[in-house]
Protein backbone atom coordinates (compact mmCIF):
# COMPACT_ATOMS: atom_id res chain seq x y z
CA MET A 1 128.73 67.01 154.11
CA LYS A 2 131.15 69.25 152.19
CA TYR A 3 129.29 68.59 148.94
CA TYR A 4 126.30 70.54 150.29
CA LEU A 5 128.36 73.73 149.91
CA SER A 6 126.90 74.48 146.46
CA ALA A 7 123.36 74.23 147.85
CA LEU A 8 124.36 76.54 150.72
CA LEU A 9 125.86 79.12 148.36
CA SER A 10 122.67 78.94 146.30
CA LEU A 11 120.67 79.63 149.47
CA PHE A 12 122.67 82.81 150.07
CA VAL A 13 121.78 84.01 146.55
CA ILE A 14 118.09 83.19 147.09
CA ILE A 15 117.99 85.00 150.45
CA GLY A 16 119.68 88.07 148.97
CA ILE A 17 117.22 88.21 146.07
CA LEU A 18 114.22 87.95 148.40
CA LEU A 19 115.55 90.67 150.72
CA GLY A 20 115.89 93.09 147.80
CA GLY A 21 117.99 96.23 147.48
CA LEU A 22 121.74 95.88 148.02
CA TRP A 23 121.11 92.42 149.48
CA MET A 24 120.65 91.22 145.90
CA TRP A 25 124.45 91.34 145.59
CA PHE A 26 124.91 89.28 148.76
CA GLY A 27 125.01 85.77 147.29
CA PHE A 28 127.26 86.77 144.40
CA VAL A 29 129.80 88.36 146.78
CA VAL A 30 129.71 85.38 149.17
CA LEU A 31 130.27 82.97 146.27
CA PHE A 32 133.36 84.85 145.09
CA VAL A 33 134.84 85.21 148.58
CA VAL A 34 134.30 81.56 149.54
CA VAL A 35 135.61 80.03 146.31
CA ILE A 36 138.53 82.35 145.53
CA LEU A 37 139.80 82.72 149.11
CA GLY A 38 139.09 79.06 149.85
CA ASP A 39 141.21 77.90 146.93
CA ALA A 40 143.99 80.30 147.94
CA LEU A 41 144.02 79.31 151.62
CA PHE A 42 143.42 75.54 151.54
CA SER A 43 145.95 73.00 150.29
CA GLU A 44 145.22 70.83 147.28
CA ASP A 45 143.24 67.64 147.81
CA GLU A 46 144.91 64.74 145.99
CA SER A 47 143.12 62.05 147.98
CA GLN A 48 140.87 59.37 146.57
CA PRO A 49 138.94 58.08 149.60
CA LYS A 50 136.95 54.87 149.57
CA VAL A 51 133.24 55.53 149.92
CA LYS A 52 131.17 53.22 152.08
CA TYR A 53 127.78 54.84 151.39
CA PRO A 54 127.81 56.24 147.82
CA PHE A 55 124.14 57.25 148.03
CA ALA A 56 125.13 59.95 150.53
CA LEU A 57 127.21 61.56 147.76
CA LYS A 58 124.32 61.39 145.30
CA VAL A 59 121.88 63.31 147.51
CA PRO A 60 123.49 66.74 146.83
CA LEU A 61 123.06 66.01 143.12
CA TYR A 62 119.39 65.16 143.55
CA LEU A 63 118.83 68.41 145.49
CA THR A 64 120.06 70.52 142.59
CA LEU A 65 116.88 70.74 140.51
CA PRO A 66 114.67 71.78 143.48
CA VAL A 67 117.28 74.35 144.56
CA VAL A 68 117.71 75.80 141.05
CA ALA A 69 113.91 75.87 140.59
CA LEU A 70 113.57 77.73 143.91
CA LEU A 71 116.27 80.17 142.82
CA LEU A 72 114.52 80.93 139.52
CA VAL A 73 111.12 81.28 141.18
CA ALA A 74 112.62 83.72 143.73
CA PHE A 75 114.26 85.66 140.90
CA ALA A 76 110.98 85.78 138.95
CA TRP A 77 109.14 86.99 142.07
CA SER A 78 111.71 89.75 142.58
CA LEU A 79 110.86 91.21 139.16
CA GLY A 80 107.24 91.92 140.07
CA SER A 81 105.96 95.42 140.79
CA ASN A 82 103.47 97.17 143.08
CA ASN A 83 101.55 94.50 145.03
CA ASP A 84 102.39 91.59 142.71
CA ASP A 85 103.19 88.55 144.84
CA LEU A 86 104.06 85.53 142.71
CA PHE A 87 102.83 82.35 144.42
CA ASN A 88 102.17 84.45 147.58
CA ILE A 89 105.85 84.20 148.46
CA ALA A 90 105.99 87.54 150.30
CA HIS A 91 102.80 86.78 152.22
CA ILE A 92 104.10 83.39 153.37
CA LEU A 93 107.49 84.79 154.37
CA SER A 94 105.89 87.70 156.27
CA LEU A 95 104.12 85.17 158.50
CA ILE A 96 107.57 83.94 159.61
CA PHE A 97 109.77 87.06 159.42
CA ASN A 98 109.10 90.64 160.47
CA TYR A 99 110.20 92.15 157.16
CA ASP A 100 108.35 93.99 154.39
CA PHE A 101 109.51 91.95 151.38
CA ILE A 102 107.20 93.76 148.92
CA LEU A 103 108.47 97.22 149.94
CA ALA A 104 112.12 96.12 149.78
CA ARG A 105 111.56 94.63 146.32
CA ASN A 106 109.73 97.66 144.97
CA VAL A 107 112.56 100.07 145.84
CA SER A 108 115.20 97.89 144.16
CA THR A 109 116.98 99.61 141.25
CA GLY A 110 118.67 98.43 138.06
CA PHE A 111 122.00 98.22 139.89
CA HIS A 112 120.49 95.83 142.42
CA TYR A 113 119.06 93.62 139.67
CA VAL A 114 122.53 93.35 138.12
CA GLY A 115 123.61 91.66 141.36
CA ALA A 116 120.66 89.28 141.11
CA VAL A 117 121.45 88.41 137.48
CA LEU A 118 125.11 87.77 138.36
CA GLY A 119 124.27 85.66 141.41
CA CYS A 120 121.61 83.68 139.55
CA GLY A 121 123.78 83.17 136.46
CA PHE A 122 126.75 81.94 138.46
CA ILE A 123 124.64 79.47 140.45
CA VAL A 124 122.83 78.20 137.35
CA ALA A 125 126.25 77.64 135.75
CA SER A 126 128.30 76.32 138.67
CA TYR A 127 125.58 74.26 140.36
CA GLY A 128 122.83 73.70 137.79
CA THR A 129 124.81 73.21 134.58
CA ASN A 130 127.62 71.40 136.34
CA VAL A 131 125.34 68.84 138.00
CA GLY A 132 123.34 68.64 134.76
CA HIS A 133 126.62 67.70 133.09
CA GLU A 134 127.22 65.00 135.70
CA LEU A 135 123.72 63.53 135.27
CA ILE A 136 123.58 63.43 131.45
CA HIS A 137 126.58 61.10 131.62
CA ARG A 138 124.36 58.56 133.40
CA ALA A 139 122.93 57.33 130.10
CA GLN A 140 121.77 54.07 131.66
CA ASN A 141 119.29 55.97 133.87
CA TRP A 142 116.82 58.00 131.77
CA LYS A 143 115.36 59.68 134.86
CA LEU A 144 118.73 61.18 135.83
CA VAL A 145 119.34 62.25 132.24
CA LEU A 146 115.93 63.98 132.21
CA VAL A 147 116.77 65.83 135.44
CA GLY A 148 120.11 66.81 133.91
CA ARG A 149 118.36 68.19 130.84
CA TRP A 150 115.95 70.24 133.00
CA LEU A 151 118.97 71.72 134.78
CA LEU A 152 120.54 72.61 131.42
CA SER A 153 117.28 74.25 130.33
CA ALA A 154 117.82 76.96 132.96
CA SER A 155 120.64 78.28 130.76
CA CYS A 156 118.78 77.58 127.48
CA ASN A 157 121.35 74.89 126.71
CA ALA A 158 119.22 72.33 124.86
CA ASP A 159 122.07 71.12 122.64
CA PHE A 160 124.57 70.35 125.42
CA SER A 161 123.22 66.92 126.38
CA VAL A 162 123.67 65.81 122.77
CA GLU A 163 126.84 67.54 121.58
CA HIS A 164 128.80 67.16 124.81
CA ILE A 165 128.31 63.40 125.08
CA TYR A 166 128.54 62.39 121.42
CA GLY A 167 130.64 65.25 120.04
CA HIS A 168 132.96 66.83 122.58
CA HIS A 169 133.98 63.59 124.30
CA ALA A 170 134.66 61.92 120.98
CA PHE A 171 136.62 64.73 119.33
CA VAL A 172 138.18 66.68 122.24
CA GLY A 173 141.54 68.18 121.34
CA THR A 174 140.94 67.95 117.59
CA LYS A 175 139.73 70.44 114.99
CA LYS A 176 136.41 68.60 114.87
CA ASP A 177 135.58 69.72 118.42
CA PRO A 178 134.00 73.20 118.72
CA ALA A 179 134.52 73.08 122.51
CA THR A 180 138.33 72.83 122.28
CA ALA A 181 140.16 76.17 122.34
CA PHE A 182 143.39 76.33 120.37
CA ARG A 183 146.43 78.40 121.22
CA GLY A 184 145.93 82.08 120.49
CA GLN A 185 142.10 82.13 120.64
CA ASN A 186 140.57 84.55 123.12
CA VAL A 187 137.64 83.53 125.28
CA TYR A 188 135.15 85.90 123.63
CA GLY A 189 135.74 84.69 120.08
CA PHE A 190 135.75 81.13 121.39
CA PHE A 191 132.38 81.65 123.08
CA ILE A 192 130.76 82.67 119.79
CA LYS A 193 132.43 79.88 117.81
CA SER A 194 131.76 77.13 120.35
CA THR A 195 128.14 78.18 120.89
CA ALA A 196 127.29 78.38 117.18
CA LEU A 197 129.24 75.36 115.92
CA GLY A 198 128.33 73.30 118.98
CA HIS A 199 124.65 73.88 118.28
CA VAL A 200 125.06 72.91 114.62
CA SER A 201 126.99 69.80 115.64
CA ALA A 202 124.27 68.82 118.12
CA TRP A 203 121.59 69.07 115.40
CA LYS A 204 123.65 66.91 113.03
CA ILE A 205 124.13 64.27 115.73
CA GLU A 206 120.48 64.32 116.76
CA LEU A 207 119.15 64.14 113.19
CA LYS A 208 121.40 61.16 112.51
CA ARG A 209 120.08 59.43 115.65
CA LEU A 210 116.46 60.15 114.76
CA ARG A 211 116.90 58.77 111.23
CA LYS A 212 118.55 55.65 112.59
CA LYS A 213 115.68 55.13 115.08
CA LYS A 214 113.13 55.99 112.38
CA HIS A 215 111.65 58.80 114.48
CA TYR A 216 110.13 61.99 113.11
CA ILE A 217 112.11 65.21 113.52
CA PHE A 218 109.11 67.03 114.98
CA SER A 219 108.36 64.61 117.80
CA TRP A 220 108.90 64.12 121.53
CA ASN A 221 111.90 61.96 120.62
CA ASN A 222 113.87 65.01 119.45
CA LYS A 223 116.03 65.95 122.44
CA ILE A 224 116.85 69.39 121.11
CA LEU A 225 113.26 70.42 120.41
CA THR A 226 112.10 69.14 123.79
CA GLY A 227 115.05 71.01 125.31
CA TYR A 228 113.74 74.21 123.71
CA LEU A 229 110.34 73.53 125.27
CA MET A 230 111.92 73.05 128.71
CA SER A 231 113.53 76.49 128.45
CA LEU A 232 110.22 77.89 127.21
CA VAL A 233 108.61 76.77 130.49
CA TRP A 234 111.05 79.02 132.39
CA CYS A 235 110.38 81.88 129.95
CA LEU A 236 106.64 81.54 130.54
CA LEU A 237 107.18 81.65 134.31
CA PHE A 238 109.13 84.90 134.01
CA PHE A 239 106.60 86.35 131.56
CA TYR A 240 103.83 85.55 134.02
CA ALA A 241 105.83 87.24 136.80
CA ALA A 242 106.95 90.39 134.98
CA ALA A 243 106.00 90.29 131.28
CA TRP A 244 108.82 90.92 128.80
CA PHE A 245 111.01 92.53 131.45
CA GLY A 246 110.99 89.22 133.28
CA VAL A 247 111.82 87.24 130.12
CA ALA A 248 114.69 89.64 129.35
CA LEU A 249 116.29 89.16 132.77
CA PHE A 250 115.80 85.38 132.64
CA LEU A 251 117.58 85.33 129.27
CA ALA A 252 120.30 87.62 130.69
CA GLN A 253 121.16 85.15 133.45
CA ALA A 254 120.90 82.26 130.96
CA LEU A 255 123.34 84.01 128.61
CA LEU A 256 125.74 84.58 131.51
CA ALA A 257 125.46 80.92 132.56
CA LYS A 258 126.07 79.79 128.97
CA PHE A 259 129.09 82.10 128.70
CA LEU A 260 130.50 80.68 131.95
CA LEU A 261 130.08 77.15 130.60
CA GLU A 262 131.93 77.96 127.40
CA ALA A 263 134.63 79.87 129.30
CA THR A 264 135.07 76.74 131.41
CA ASN A 265 135.42 74.63 128.26
CA TYR A 266 137.93 77.21 127.04
CA MET A 267 140.23 76.95 130.03
CA GLU A 268 139.84 73.18 130.46
CA HIS A 269 141.34 72.34 127.05
CA TYR A 270 143.17 75.46 125.90
CA GLY A 271 146.07 74.61 123.60
CA LEU A 272 146.02 70.86 124.28
CA THR A 273 145.75 69.11 120.93
CA ARG A 274 145.25 65.48 120.01
CA ASP A 275 145.60 63.35 116.90
CA ILE A 276 142.13 61.98 116.21
CA LYS A 277 143.59 58.46 116.04
CA THR A 278 145.03 58.83 119.56
CA PRO A 279 142.80 57.73 122.48
CA VAL A 280 141.67 60.49 124.84
CA GLY A 281 143.92 60.59 127.90
CA PRO A 282 144.74 62.70 130.97
CA GLN A 283 147.10 64.82 128.87
CA HIS A 284 144.23 66.35 126.91
CA SER A 285 142.69 68.41 129.74
CA TRP A 286 143.93 70.97 132.24
CA ASN A 287 143.51 69.57 135.73
CA THR A 288 143.44 71.00 139.25
CA ASN A 289 142.97 69.56 142.72
CA LYS A 290 142.12 72.84 144.46
CA GLN A 291 139.87 71.88 147.37
CA ILE A 292 137.06 74.41 147.26
CA SER A 293 136.75 74.34 143.47
CA GLY A 294 136.57 70.54 143.65
CA ILE A 295 133.87 70.63 146.33
CA VAL A 296 131.69 73.32 144.72
CA LEU A 297 132.00 71.74 141.25
CA PHE A 298 131.70 68.09 142.32
CA SER A 299 135.23 67.23 141.13
CA LEU A 300 134.74 68.63 137.64
CA THR A 301 138.18 70.05 138.42
CA ARG A 302 139.61 66.54 137.95
CA HIS A 303 138.87 67.00 134.29
CA SER A 304 141.73 64.86 133.02
CA SER A 305 140.20 61.84 134.71
CA HIS A 306 136.68 62.76 133.59
CA HIS A 307 137.68 62.72 129.93
CA GLU A 308 139.60 59.51 130.28
CA LYS A 309 136.64 57.74 131.93
CA PRO A 310 133.54 59.95 131.47
CA LYS A 311 131.11 57.46 133.02
CA LEU A 312 132.83 57.51 136.44
CA ASP A 313 130.95 59.05 139.37
CA TYR A 314 132.49 62.34 140.50
CA TRP A 315 133.89 60.93 143.76
CA LYS A 316 135.79 58.20 141.89
CA LEU A 317 137.79 60.51 139.65
CA ASP A 318 141.58 60.25 139.80
CA PRO A 319 143.51 63.38 140.91
CA TYR A 320 146.15 62.86 138.16
CA VAL A 321 148.85 65.02 139.70
CA LYS A 322 151.06 64.56 136.61
CA ALA A 323 148.44 65.84 134.17
CA PRO A 324 148.61 69.43 132.78
CA LYS A 325 148.03 71.64 135.81
CA MET A 326 145.69 74.62 135.70
CA PRO A 327 147.38 77.76 137.09
CA PHE A 328 144.72 78.49 139.76
CA GLY A 329 141.37 77.24 141.02
CA TYR A 330 138.45 77.33 138.58
CA LEU A 331 136.91 80.69 139.44
CA THR A 332 140.26 82.49 139.64
CA THR A 333 141.39 80.95 136.35
CA LEU A 334 138.08 81.92 134.76
CA LEU A 335 138.56 85.54 135.80
CA VAL A 336 142.06 85.53 134.28
CA THR A 337 140.65 84.32 130.94
CA MET A 338 138.49 87.46 130.84
CA ILE A 339 141.68 89.49 130.21
CA PRO A 340 143.23 87.83 127.10
CA PRO A 341 146.76 89.36 127.40
CA LEU A 342 146.93 88.32 131.07
CA TRP A 343 145.64 84.85 130.23
CA LYS A 344 148.24 84.31 127.53
CA SER A 345 151.05 85.52 129.80
CA VAL A 346 149.97 82.96 132.43
CA ILE A 347 148.99 79.94 130.34
CA HIS A 348 151.49 80.00 127.45
CA PRO A 349 154.59 79.35 129.61
CA LEU A 350 152.72 76.41 131.23
CA LEU A 351 151.68 75.15 127.81
CA ASP A 352 155.26 75.47 126.48
CA ARG A 353 156.63 73.50 129.45
CA TRP A 354 153.99 70.80 128.98
CA GLU A 355 154.72 70.45 125.24
CA LYS A 356 158.46 70.30 125.95
CA LYS A 357 157.80 67.59 128.55
CA LEU A 358 155.86 65.52 126.00
CA ASN A 359 158.67 65.86 123.46
């Protein structure tokens, strides 16, 4: 049941957006309080329980696309004006609740919409992109991969399903990997570099695959082009709801979600290098077994194990207590990366100790 926490946190964001006004900050604040305080208060979870009914652990993954779609539809509705009522959402809700949703929405200000963008962006990144990442690794099941790609489209991340699988996992820790941060890089410069070079890398990989399969570049077989079209569907929804203002705010949350993804890449591999001839192992990723981070992110936190055996289901990942240990839980560590001098003062001593241990 604990793996339904991400869906619950998403529900808080959706409710806040629909209520309008200051409530639009509600989900974002709840997310921060639950994850940061939860990681601080609960002990680490180093267990690896045997699962009798694995399907029960897949259901929260299958719920992600409907939940993220509902979140984006609610966000698009909230950008309407006057008596606009996208899909009659306010009318339907008013039949159940004694609340004037249209009035509350229409008095919302720019400050309130900032809360909505933050809440939406964090959910799209932590729930949507993260589960999308889990599903694109299920290459043997094209339906799951397709769902994963739709989840990635919410952050306009068409290249990720190509570059991450065939680029990042192959070259992690080396200079050939745009998603590996080297010692001394700050998260903002890394975001630009990883985004640009990762996209170029994805196109190179995809063009090579298309040539090998003898497919045309401009066809439904091109995963990057179809990924663009998936994101275009969301853009059209927001344009229908609120014209270019709607598209701008959709792209704002997508940019935030993309930044959070790259910041996560940044802190997961910062300073950990690998000879390209050396097999990928637990020592090439920062790991943490913080309970709430592990629950909300479906054990992405056990990143050392994920890179060693990327096809493993999230509940089978090894805790690897002897792998490089991240200083805090994921959200707290991410916030520290936002302040480069603070980040370096925290991570460099840990990196020095790890390198000394290896030598």
